[in-house]
C-alpha atoms as a PDB file:
ATOM      1  CA  MET A   1       0.003   0.064   0.229  1.00  0.00           C
ATOM      2  CA  THR A   2       1.278   3.413  -0.832  1.00  0.00           C
ATOM      3  CA  SER A   3       0.013   5.034   2.368  1.00  0.00           C
ATOM      4  CA  SER A   4      -1.699   4.534   5.526  1.00  0.00           C
ATOM      5  CA  ARG A   5      -4.728   6.124   4.364  1.00  0.00           C
ATOM      6  CA  ALA A   6      -4.929   3.871   1.300  1.00  0.00           C
ATOM      7  CA  GLU A   7      -4.563   0.839   3.827  1.00  0.00           C
ATOM      8  CA  LEU A   8      -7.718   2.096   6.019  1.00  0.00           C
ATOM      9  CA  ILE A   9      -9.634   2.712   2.993  1.00  0.00           C
ATOM     10  CA  ALA A  10      -8.703  -1.423   1.882  1.00  0.00           C
ATOM     11  CA  ASP A  11      -9.314  -2.749   5.121  1.00  0.00           C
ATOM     12  CA  ALA A  12     -12.825  -0.830   5.213  1.00  0.00           C
ATOM     13  CA  SER A  13     -13.610  -2.038   2.048  1.00  0.00           C
ATOM     14  CA  LEU A  14     -12.388  -5.694   2.892  1.00  0.00           C
ATOM     15  CA  SER A  15     -14.525  -5.288   6.278  1.00  0.00           C
ATOM     16  CA  LEU A  16     -17.608  -4.251   4.131  1.00  0.00           C
ATOM     17  CA  LEU A  17     -17.019  -7.045   1.361  1.00  0.00           C
ATOM     18  CA  VAL A  18     -17.320  -9.339   4.553  1.00  0.00           C
ATOM     19  CA  GLU A  19     -20.605  -7.843   6.286  1.00  0.00           C
ATOM     20  CA  ARG A  20     -22.806  -6.879   3.150  1.00  0.00           C
ATOM     21  CA  GLY A  21     -21.143  -8.587   0.196  1.00  0.00           C
ATOM     22  CA  MET A  22     -20.352  -6.803  -3.085  1.00  0.00           C
ATOM     23  CA  ARG A  23     -23.544  -4.706  -3.524  1.00  0.00           C
ATOM     24  CA  GLY A  24     -22.588  -2.751  -0.096  1.00  0.00           C
ATOM     25  CA  LEU A  25     -19.281  -1.872  -1.070  1.00  0.00           C
ATOM     26  CA  THR A  26     -19.643   1.580  -2.153  1.00  0.00           C
ATOM     27  CA  HIS A  27     -17.739   4.540  -1.795  1.00  0.00           C
ATOM     28  CA  ARG A  28     -19.906   6.407   0.442  1.00  0.00           C
ATOM     29  CA  ALA A  29     -20.391   3.278   2.484  1.00  0.00           C
ATOM     30  CA  VAL A  30     -16.362   2.679   2.996  1.00  0.00           C
ATOM     31  CA  ASP A  31     -15.957   6.520   4.068  1.00  0.00           C
ATOM     32  CA  GLU A  32     -18.599   5.859   6.563  1.00  0.00           C
ATOM     33  CA  ALA A  33     -16.838   2.595   7.952  1.00  0.00           C
ATOM     34  CA  ALA A  34     -13.344   3.936   7.610  1.00  0.00           C
ATOM     35  CA  GLY A  35     -14.507   7.191   9.797  1.00  0.00           C
ATOM     36  CA  LEU A  36     -13.423   9.405   7.087  1.00  0.00           C
ATOM     37  CA  PRO A  37     -15.164  12.462   5.618  1.00  0.00           C
ATOM     38  CA  PRO A  38     -17.628  12.311   2.554  1.00  0.00           C
ATOM     39  CA  GLY A  39     -15.589  12.126  -0.624  1.00  0.00           C
ATOM     40  CA  SER A  40     -12.163  10.555   1.000  1.00  0.00           C
ATOM     41  CA  THR A  41     -12.365   6.957  -0.634  1.00  0.00           C
ATOM     42  CA  SER A  42     -13.405   8.853  -4.392  1.00  0.00           C
ATOM     43  CA  ASN A  43     -10.313  10.947  -3.936  1.00  0.00           C
ATOM     44  CA  LEU A  44      -8.119   7.963  -3.629  1.00  0.00           C
ATOM     45  CA  ALA A  45     -10.054   5.568  -5.776  1.00  0.00           C
ATOM     46  CA  ARG A  46     -12.241   7.412  -8.145  1.00  0.00           C
ATOM     47  CA  THR A  47     -14.080   4.517  -9.801  1.00  0.00           C
ATOM     48  CA  ARG A  48     -15.504   1.228  -8.764  1.00  0.00           C
ATOM     49  CA  ALA A  49     -12.962  -0.625 -10.561  1.00  0.00           C
ATOM     50  CA  ALA A  50     -10.117   1.678  -8.793  1.00  0.00           C
ATOM     51  CA  LEU A  51     -11.793   0.592  -5.410  1.00  0.00           C
ATOM     52  CA  LEU A  52     -11.515  -2.914  -6.256  1.00  0.00           C
ATOM     53  CA  GLU A  53      -7.996  -3.045  -7.552  1.00  0.00           C
ATOM     54  CA  LEU A  54      -6.775  -1.090  -4.473  1.00  0.00           C
ATOM     55  CA  THR A  55      -9.033  -3.789  -1.885  1.00  0.00           C
ATOM     56  CA  LEU A  56      -7.583  -6.581  -3.874  1.00  0.00           C
ATOM     57  CA  VAL A  57      -3.940  -5.130  -3.674  1.00  0.00           C
ATOM     58  CA  ARG A  58      -4.426  -5.075   0.162  1.00  0.00           C
ATOM     59  CA  LEU A  59      -6.061  -8.442   0.477  1.00  0.00           C
ATOM     60  CA  THR A  60      -3.022  -9.933  -1.250  1.00  0.00           C
ATOM     61  CA  GLU A  61      -0.527  -8.022   0.784  1.00  0.00           C
ATOM     62  CA  LEU A  62      -2.335  -9.835   3.971  1.00  0.00           C
ATOM     63  CA  GLU A  63      -2.212 -13.158   2.556  1.00  0.00           C
ATOM     64  CA  ARG A  64       1.172 -13.188   1.843  1.00  0.00           C
ATOM     65  CA  GLY A  65       2.021 -11.872   5.086  1.00  0.00           C
ATOM     66  CA  ARG A  66       0.180 -14.694   6.479  1.00  0.00           C
ATOM     67  CA  LEU A  67       2.151 -16.821   4.168  1.00  0.00           C
ATOM     68  CA  ARG A  68       5.233 -15.845   5.848  1.00  0.00           C
ATOM     69  CA  GLY A  69       3.917 -16.123   9.245  1.00  0.00           C
ATOM     70  CA  VAL A  70       3.299 -19.872   9.023  1.00  0.00           C
ATOM     71  CA  GLY A  71       7.068 -20.726   7.569  1.00  0.00           C
ATOM     72  CA  VAL A  72       6.890 -19.519   3.801  1.00  0.00           C
ATOM     73  CA  PRO A  73       9.952 -17.612   3.335  1.00  0.00           C
ATOM     74  CA  GLU A  74      10.412 -15.385   0.209  1.00  0.00           C
ATOM     75  CA  GLY A  75      13.237 -16.586  -1.932  1.00  0.00           C
ATOM     76  CA  GLU A  76      14.266 -19.825   0.260  1.00  0.00           C
ATOM     77  CA  PRO A  77      11.251 -22.323   0.178  1.00  0.00           C
ATOM     78  CA  PHE A  78      12.237 -24.785   3.135  1.00  0.00           C
ATOM     79  CA  PRO A  79      13.677 -24.033   6.556  1.00  0.00           C
ATOM     80  CA  GLY A  80      16.515 -25.921   7.861  1.00  0.00           C
ATOM     81  CA  ALA A  81      16.544 -29.645   8.062  1.00  0.00           C
ATOM     82  CA  GLU A  82      15.750 -29.655  11.780  1.00  0.00           C
ATOM     83  CA  VAL A  83      12.145 -29.249  10.894  1.00  0.00           C
ATOM     84  CA  GLY A  84      11.743 -32.443   9.093  1.00  0.00           C
ATOM     85  CA  PRO A  85      11.684 -33.836   5.591  1.00  0.00           C
ATOM     86  CA  PRO A  86      10.105 -31.249   2.975  1.00  0.00           C
ATOM     87  CA  ARG A  87       6.959 -33.546   2.388  1.00  0.00           C
ATOM     88  CA  GLU A  88       6.056 -33.712   5.907  1.00  0.00           C
ATOM     89  CA  TRP A  89       6.806 -29.713   6.554  1.00  0.00           C
ATOM     90  CA  LEU A  90       4.909 -29.155   3.477  1.00  0.00           C
ATOM     91  CA  ALA A  91       1.280 -30.977   4.770  1.00  0.00           C
ATOM     92  CA  GLU A  92       2.309 -29.046   8.145  1.00  0.00           C
ATOM     93  CA  VAL A  93       2.111 -25.592   6.431  1.00  0.00           C
ATOM     94  CA  VAL A  94      -0.705 -26.331   4.060  1.00  0.00           C
ATOM     95  CA  ALA A  95      -2.330 -27.612   7.069  1.00  0.00           C
ATOM     96  CA  ARG A  96      -1.735 -24.059   9.207  1.00  0.00           C
ATOM     97  CA  VAL A  97      -2.168 -22.066   6.140  1.00  0.00           C
ATOM     98  CA  LEU A  98      -6.056 -23.325   5.751  1.00  0.00           C
ATOM     99  CA  HIS A  99      -6.638 -23.488   8.882  1.00  0.00           C
ATOM    100  CA  GLY A 100      -5.644 -19.470   9.526  1.00  0.00           C
ATOM    101  CA  GLN A 101      -7.906 -18.958   6.470  1.00  0.00           C
ATOM    102  CA  LEU A 102     -10.971 -20.714   8.026  1.00  0.00           C
ATOM    103  CA  THR A 103     -10.412 -18.835  11.348  1.00  0.00           C
ATOM    104  CA  VAL A 104      -8.429 -16.181  12.210  1.00  0.00           C
ATOM    105  CA  ASP A 105      -8.303 -14.782   8.603  1.00  0.00           C
ATOM    106  CA  ARG A 106     -11.753 -16.157   7.843  1.00  0.00           C
ATOM    107  CA  ARG A 107     -12.791 -12.638   7.015  1.00  0.00           C
ATOM    108  CA  TRP A 108     -10.093 -12.301   4.252  1.00  0.00           C
ATOM    109  CA  THR A 109     -10.911 -15.431   2.881  1.00  0.00           C
ATOM    110  CA  LEU A 110     -14.740 -14.622   2.446  1.00  0.00           C
ATOM    111  CA  ALA A 111     -13.577 -11.311   1.010  1.00  0.00           C
ATOM    112  CA  ARG A 112     -11.545 -13.369  -1.467  1.00  0.00           C
ATOM    113  CA  PHE A 113     -14.256 -15.266  -2.687  1.00  0.00           C
ATOM    114  CA  GLU A 114     -16.559 -12.056  -3.201  1.00  0.00           C
ATOM    115  CA  LEU A 115     -13.517 -10.589  -5.002  1.00  0.00           C
ATOM    116  CA  ALA A 116     -13.376 -13.897  -7.204  1.00  0.00           C
ATOM    117  CA  LEU A 117     -17.041 -13.831  -8.233  1.00  0.00           C
ATOM    118  CA  GLU A 118     -16.846 -10.243  -9.213  1.00  0.00           C
ATOM    119  CA  ALA A 119     -13.648 -10.807 -11.363  1.00  0.00           C
ATOM    120  CA  THR A 120     -15.700 -13.268 -13.452  1.00  0.00           C
ATOM    121  CA  ARG A 121     -18.148 -10.162 -14.315  1.00  0.00           C
ATOM    122  CA  ARG A 122     -15.395  -7.672 -14.450  1.00  0.00           C
ATOM    123  CA  PRO A 123     -12.780  -7.867 -16.973  1.00  0.00           C
ATOM    124  CA  GLU A 124     -10.391  -5.214 -15.422  1.00  0.00           C
ATOM    125  CA  LEU A 125     -10.587  -7.052 -12.231  1.00  0.00           C
ATOM    126  CA  ARG A 126      -9.862 -10.564 -13.754  1.00  0.00           C
ATOM    127  CA  VAL A 127      -6.757  -9.395 -15.125  1.00  0.00           C
ATOM    128  CA  ILE A 128      -5.646  -7.725 -11.256  1.00  0.00           C
ATOM    129  CA  TYR A 129      -7.130 -11.195  -9.632  1.00  0.00           C
ATOM    130  CA  ASP A 130      -5.267 -13.624 -12.003  1.00  0.00           C
ATOM    131  CA  ARG A 131      -1.899 -11.193 -11.314  1.00  0.00           C
ATOM    132  CA  SER A 132      -2.504 -11.915  -8.003  1.00  0.00           C
ATOM    133  CA  GLY A 133      -3.113 -15.369  -8.020  1.00  0.00           C
ATOM    134  CA  ARG A 134      -0.092 -15.836 -10.388  1.00  0.00           C
ATOM    135  CA  GLY A 135       2.398 -14.923  -7.710  1.00  0.00           C
ATOM    136  CA  PHE A 136       0.863 -17.491  -5.187  1.00  0.00           C
ATOM    137  CA  ARG A 137       0.871 -20.376  -7.740  1.00  0.00           C
ATOM    138  CA  GLU A 138       4.474 -19.577  -8.724  1.00  0.00           C
ATOM    139  CA  MET A 139       5.229 -19.844  -5.062  1.00  0.00           C
ATOM    140  CA  VAL A 140       3.317 -23.283  -4.664  1.00  0.00           C
ATOM    141  CA  VAL A 141       5.319 -24.608  -8.127  1.00  0.00           C
ATOM    142  CA  GLU A 142       8.757 -23.461  -6.365  1.00  0.00           C
ATOM    143  CA  LEU A 143       7.503 -25.480  -3.148  1.00  0.00           C
ATOM    144  CA  MET A 144       6.691 -28.464  -5.079  1.00  0.00           C
ATOM    145  CA  VAL A 145      10.156 -28.207  -7.050  1.00  0.00           C
ATOM    146  CA  ALA A 146      11.866 -28.115  -3.539  1.00  0.00           C
ATOM    147  CA  ALA A 147       9.839 -30.932  -2.339  1.00  0.00           C
ATOM    148  CA  GLY A 148      11.132 -33.386  -5.195  1.00  0.00           C
ATOM    149  CA  SER A 149       8.078 -33.381  -7.357  1.00  0.00           C
ATOM    150  CA  ALA A 150       8.317 -35.119 -10.901  1.00  0.00           C
ATOM    151  CA  ASP A 151       5.614 -32.660 -12.158  1.00  0.00           C
ATOM    152  CA  PRO A 152       5.788 -29.642 -10.056  1.00  0.00           C
ATOM    153  CA  VAL A 153       3.502 -27.262 -12.285  1.00  0.00           C
ATOM    154  CA  ARG A 154       0.691 -29.557 -12.282  1.00  0.00           C
ATOM    155  CA  HIS A 155       1.262 -30.863  -8.446  1.00  0.00           C
ATOM    156  CA  ALA A 156       1.065 -27.090  -7.681  1.00  0.00           C
ATOM    157  CA  ARG A 157      -2.475 -26.981  -9.500  1.00  0.00           C
ATOM    158  CA  VAL A 158      -3.804 -30.353  -7.915  1.00  0.00           C
ATOM    159  CA  LEU A 159      -2.531 -28.973  -4.097  1.00  0.00           C
ATOM    160  CA  LEU A 160      -3.983 -25.617  -5.110  1.00  0.00           C
ATOM    161  CA  SER A 161      -7.440 -27.053  -6.447  1.00  0.00           C
ATOM    162  CA  PHE A 162      -7.378 -29.439  -2.994  1.00  0.00           C
ATOM    163  CA  ALA A 163      -6.914 -26.088  -0.969  1.00  0.00           C
ATOM    164  CA  GLU A 164      -9.637 -24.321  -2.665  1.00  0.00           C
ATOM    165  CA  GLY A 165     -11.959 -26.918  -2.362  1.00  0.00           C
ATOM    166  CA  VAL A 166     -11.403 -27.408   1.271  1.00  0.00           C
ATOM    167  CA  LEU A 167     -12.142 -23.648   1.768  1.00  0.00           C
ATOM    168  CA  PHE A 168     -15.159 -23.524  -0.117  1.00  0.00           C
ATOM    169  CA  HIS A 169     -16.707 -26.160   0.847  1.00  0.00           C
ATOM    170  CA  ALA A 170     -15.897 -25.162   4.529  1.00  0.00           C
ATOM    171  CA  LEU A 171     -17.209 -21.756   4.352  1.00  0.00           C
ATOM    172  CA  ALA A 172     -20.012 -21.893   1.776  1.00  0.00           C
ATOM    173  CA  GLY A 173     -20.661 -25.362   1.226  1.00  0.00           C
ATOM    174  CA  ALA A 174     -22.789 -27.831   3.585  1.00  0.00           C
ATOM    175  CA  GLY A 175     -19.603 -29.479   5.154  1.00  0.00           C
ATOM    176  CA  GLU A 176     -18.257 -29.045   8.786  1.00  0.00           C
ATOM    177  CA  GLU A 177     -15.358 -27.258   9.183  1.00  0.00           C
ATOM    178  CA  PRO A 178     -12.256 -29.196   9.384  1.00  0.00           C
ATOM    179  CA  GLY A 179      -9.740 -28.703  12.406  1.00  0.00           C
ATOM    180  CA  LEU A 180      -6.013 -28.463  11.938  1.00  0.00           C
ATOM    181  CA  GLU A 181      -5.364 -32.466  12.636  1.00  0.00           C
ATOM    182  CA  GLU A 182      -8.024 -33.222  10.197  1.00  0.00           C
ATOM    183  CA  LEU A 183      -6.144 -30.628   7.699  1.00  0.00           C
ATOM    184  CA  ARG A 184      -3.130 -31.765   8.421  1.00  0.00           C
ATOM    185  CA  THR A 185      -3.837 -35.446   7.816  1.00  0.00           C
ATOM    186  CA  TRP A 186      -5.577 -34.312   4.599  1.00  0.00           C
ATOM    187  CA  ALA A 187      -2.858 -32.606   3.406  1.00  0.00           C
ATOM    188  CA  GLY A 188      -0.434 -35.230   3.911  1.00  0.00           C
ATOM    189  CA  GLU A 189      -2.633 -37.489   2.041  1.00  0.00           C
ATOM    190  CA  VAL A 190      -2.534 -35.468  -1.040  1.00  0.00           C
ATOM    191  CA  LEU A 191       1.033 -34.701  -1.211  1.00  0.00           C
ATOM    192  CA  GLU A 192       1.916 -38.368  -0.392  1.00  0.00           C
ATOM    193  CA  GLY A 193      -0.130 -39.125  -3.704  1.00  0.00           C
ATOM    194  CA  LEU A 194       1.418 -36.246  -5.686  1.00  0.00           C
ATOM    195  CA  LEU A 195       4.703 -36.995  -4.367  1.00  0.00           C
ATOM    196  CA  ALA A 196       5.110 -40.890  -4.054  1.00  0.00           C
END
Protein backbone atom coordinates (compact mmCIF):
# COMPACT_ATOMS: atom_id res chain seq x y z
CA MET A 1 0.00 0.00 0.00
CA THR A 2 1.19 3.45 -0.78
CA SER A 3 -0.14 5.19 2.34
CA SER A 4 -1.86 4.63 5.66
CA ARG A 5 -4.97 6.30 4.19
CA ALA A 6 -4.99 3.75 1.35
CA GLU A 7 -4.65 0.90 3.88
CA LEU A 8 -7.49 2.30 5.97
CA ILE A 9 -9.76 2.53 2.94
CA ALA A 10 -8.81 -0.91 1.66
CA ASP A 11 -9.30 -2.49 5.10
CA ALA A 12 -12.73 -0.86 5.40
CA SER A 13 -13.56 -2.17 1.93
CA LEU A 14 -12.58 -5.71 2.96
CA SER A 15 -14.81 -5.47 6.03
CA LEU A 16 -17.73 -4.25 3.94
CA LEU A 17 -17.29 -7.09 1.45
CA VAL A 18 -17.57 -9.59 4.29
CA GLU A 19 -20.45 -7.88 6.09
CA ARG A 20 -22.57 -6.71 3.14
CA GLY A 21 -21.26 -8.43 0.04
CA MET A 22 -20.33 -6.76 -3.22
CA ARG A 23 -23.49 -4.64 -3.37
CA GLY A 24 -22.68 -3.09 -0.02
CA LEU A 25 -19.28 -1.87 -1.21
CA THR A 26 -19.79 1.76 -2.20
CA HIS A 27 -17.53 4.78 -1.89
CA ARG A 28 -19.91 6.34 0.62
CA ALA A 29 -20.11 3.16 2.71
CA VAL A 30 -16.30 2.93 2.78
CA ASP A 31 -16.05 6.54 3.98
CA GLU A 32 -18.49 5.77 6.79
CA ALA A 33 -16.85 2.45 7.75
CA ALA A 34 -13.38 4.04 7.78
CA GLY A 35 -14.57 7.08 9.74
CA LEU A 36 -13.47 9.44 6.96
CA PRO A 37 -15.10 12.61 5.64
CA PRO A 38 -17.46 12.10 2.68
CA GLY A 39 -15.58 11.97 -0.61
CA SER A 40 -12.33 10.64 0.87
CA THR A 41 -12.60 7.25 -0.83
CA SER A 42 -13.56 8.83 -4.16
CA ASN A 43 -10.55 11.10 -3.89
CA LEU A 44 -8.23 8.07 -3.63
CA ALA A 45 -10.08 5.61 -5.86
CA ARG A 46 -12.28 7.52 -8.30
CA THR A 47 -14.05 4.56 -9.88
CA ARG A 48 -15.51 1.33 -8.56
CA ALA A 49 -12.86 -0.55 -10.55
CA ALA A 50 -10.13 1.46 -8.81
CA LEU A 51 -11.67 0.74 -5.40
CA LEU A 52 -11.84 -2.99 -6.17
CA GLU A 53 -8.22 -2.95 -7.34
CA LEU A 54 -7.09 -1.18 -4.18
CA THR A 55 -8.98 -3.73 -2.08
CA LEU A 56 -7.54 -6.71 -3.93
CA VAL A 57 -3.97 -5.37 -3.70
CA ARG A 58 -4.40 -4.97 0.07
CA LEU A 59 -5.88 -8.45 0.43
CA THR A 60 -2.92 -9.92 -1.47
CA GLU A 61 -0.51 -8.14 0.89
CA LEU A 62 -2.33 -9.51 3.93
CA GLU A 63 -2.39 -13.06 2.57
CA ARG A 64 1.31 -12.96 1.66
CA GLY A 65 2.05 -11.82 5.19
CA ARG A 66 0.13 -14.79 6.52
CA LEU A 67 2.18 -17.19 4.39
CA ARG A 68 5.41 -15.74 5.77
CA GLY A 69 3.92 -16.06 9.26
CA VAL A 70 3.48 -19.82 8.91
CA GLY A 71 6.95 -20.46 7.57
CA VAL A 72 7.00 -19.76 3.84
CA PRO A 73 9.86 -17.26 3.55
CA GLU A 74 10.40 -15.49 0.26
CA GLY A 75 13.41 -16.67 -1.71
CA GLU A 76 14.03 -19.80 0.40
CA PRO A 77 11.28 -22.40 0.11
CA PHE A 78 12.20 -24.66 3.02
CA PRO A 79 13.56 -24.06 6.50
CA GLY A 80 16.52 -25.94 7.92
CA ALA A 81 16.66 -29.74 7.97
CA GLU A 82 15.87 -29.83 11.70
CA VAL A 83 12.17 -29.29 10.89
CA GLY A 84 11.81 -32.60 9.08
CA PRO A 85 11.49 -33.88 5.53
CA PRO A 86 10.15 -31.39 2.97
CA ARG A 87 6.94 -33.40 2.40
CA GLU A 88 6.14 -33.45 6.11
CA TRP A 89 6.99 -29.77 6.43
CA LEU A 90 4.89 -28.89 3.39
CA ALA A 91 1.87 -30.79 4.76
CA GLU A 92 2.21 -28.84 8.00
CA VAL A 93 2.39 -25.53 6.16
CA VAL A 94 -0.63 -26.35 3.98
CA ALA A 95 -2.63 -27.38 7.06
CA ARG A 96 -1.67 -24.24 8.99
CA VAL A 97 -2.42 -21.93 6.07
CA LEU A 98 -5.84 -23.53 5.51
CA HIS A 99 -6.63 -23.50 9.23
CA GLY A 100 -5.71 -19.83 9.40
CA GLN A 101 -7.90 -19.04 6.40
CA LEU A 102 -10.82 -20.77 8.10
CA THR A 103 -10.29 -19.19 11.53
CA VAL A 104 -8.29 -16.04 12.23
CA ASP A 105 -8.25 -14.95 8.57
CA ARG A 106 -11.79 -16.12 7.78
CA ARG A 107 -12.85 -12.59 6.84
CA TRP A 108 -10.06 -12.31 4.27
CA THR A 109 -11.08 -15.63 2.73
CA LEU A 110 -14.71 -14.53 2.44
CA ALA A 111 -13.62 -11.23 0.90
CA ARG A 112 -11.46 -13.10 -1.61
CA PHE A 113 -14.43 -15.25 -2.63
CA GLU A 114 -16.48 -12.07 -3.18
CA LEU A 115 -13.70 -10.57 -5.31
CA ALA A 116 -13.23 -13.82 -7.23
CA LEU A 117 -16.90 -13.91 -8.19
CA GLU A 118 -16.86 -10.24 -9.16
CA ALA A 119 -13.78 -10.86 -11.31
CA THR A 120 -15.84 -13.26 -13.43
CA ARG A 121 -18.02 -10.27 -14.42
CA ARG A 122 -15.38 -7.52 -14.63
CA PRO A 123 -12.53 -8.08 -17.10
CA GLU A 124 -10.47 -5.26 -15.56
CA LEU A 125 -10.65 -6.94 -12.14
CA ARG A 126 -9.97 -10.36 -13.67
CA VAL A 127 -6.58 -9.12 -14.90
CA ILE A 128 -5.62 -7.93 -11.41
CA TYR A 129 -7.05 -11.03 -9.72
CA ASP A 130 -5.17 -13.35 -12.09
CA ARG A 131 -1.92 -11.44 -11.58
CA SER A 132 -2.35 -11.75 -7.81
CA GLY A 133 -3.11 -15.46 -8.07
CA ARG A 134 -0.14 -16.06 -10.36
CA GLY A 135 2.22 -15.01 -7.59
CA PHE A 136 0.72 -17.58 -5.22
CA ARG A 137 0.76 -20.30 -7.90
CA GLU A 138 4.43 -19.64 -8.63
CA MET A 139 5.21 -19.93 -4.93
CA VAL A 140 3.45 -23.31 -4.74
CA VAL A 141 5.29 -24.52 -7.87
CA GLU A 142 8.60 -23.62 -6.18
CA LEU A 143 7.54 -25.53 -3.07
CA MET A 144 6.67 -28.58 -5.16
CA VAL A 145 10.05 -28.42 -6.91
CA ALA A 146 11.82 -28.29 -3.56
CA ALA A 147 9.71 -31.20 -2.31
CA GLY A 148 10.93 -33.34 -5.23
CA SER A 149 7.84 -33.29 -7.45
CA ALA A 150 8.26 -34.98 -10.82
CA ASP A 151 5.70 -32.56 -12.33
CA PRO A 152 5.69 -29.44 -10.13
CA VAL A 153 3.36 -27.30 -12.27
CA ARG A 154 0.65 -29.96 -12.44
CA HIS A 155 1.13 -30.94 -8.81
CA ALA A 156 0.87 -27.30 -7.73
CA ARG A 157 -2.45 -27.05 -9.59
CA VAL A 158 -3.73 -30.16 -7.81
CA LEU A 159 -2.61 -28.88 -4.39
CA LEU A 160 -4.19 -25.47 -4.98
CA SER A 161 -7.42 -27.09 -6.19
CA PHE A 162 -7.49 -29.20 -3.03
CA ALA A 163 -6.93 -26.10 -0.88
CA GLU A 164 -9.58 -24.00 -2.65
CA GLY A 165 -12.05 -26.87 -2.44
CA VAL A 166 -11.50 -27.26 1.30
CA LEU A 167 -12.01 -23.53 1.86
CA PHE A 168 -15.12 -23.23 -0.27
CA HIS A 169 -16.69 -26.37 1.17
CA ALA A 170 -16.04 -25.25 4.75
CA LEU A 171 -17.17 -21.63 4.29
CA ALA A 172 -19.88 -21.80 1.64
CA GLY A 173 -20.72 -25.48 1.32
CA ALA A 174 -22.68 -27.78 3.56
CA GLY A 175 -19.69 -29.46 5.16
CA GLU A 176 -18.29 -29.24 8.64
CA GLU A 177 -15.26 -27.08 9.21
CA PRO A 178 -12.16 -29.26 9.59
CA GLY A 179 -9.77 -28.77 12.48
CA LEU A 180 -6.01 -28.43 12.24
CA GLU A 181 -5.31 -32.12 12.82
CA GLU A 182 -7.78 -33.16 10.11
CA LEU A 183 -6.29 -30.63 7.69
CA ARG A 184 -2.82 -31.96 8.49
CA THR A 185 -3.95 -35.50 7.67
CA TRP A 186 -5.67 -34.46 4.44
CA ALA A 187 -2.70 -32.41 3.26
CA GLY A 188 -0.36 -35.29 4.05
CA GLU A 189 -2.53 -37.71 2.06
CA VAL A 190 -2.71 -35.38 -0.95
CA LEU A 191 1.05 -34.80 -0.90
CA GLU A 192 1.73 -38.52 -0.44
CA GLY A 193 -0.26 -39.19 -3.60
CA LEU A 194 1.48 -36.43 -5.55
CA LEU A 195 5.03 -37.05 -4.39
CA ALA A 196 5.12 -40.82 -3.88
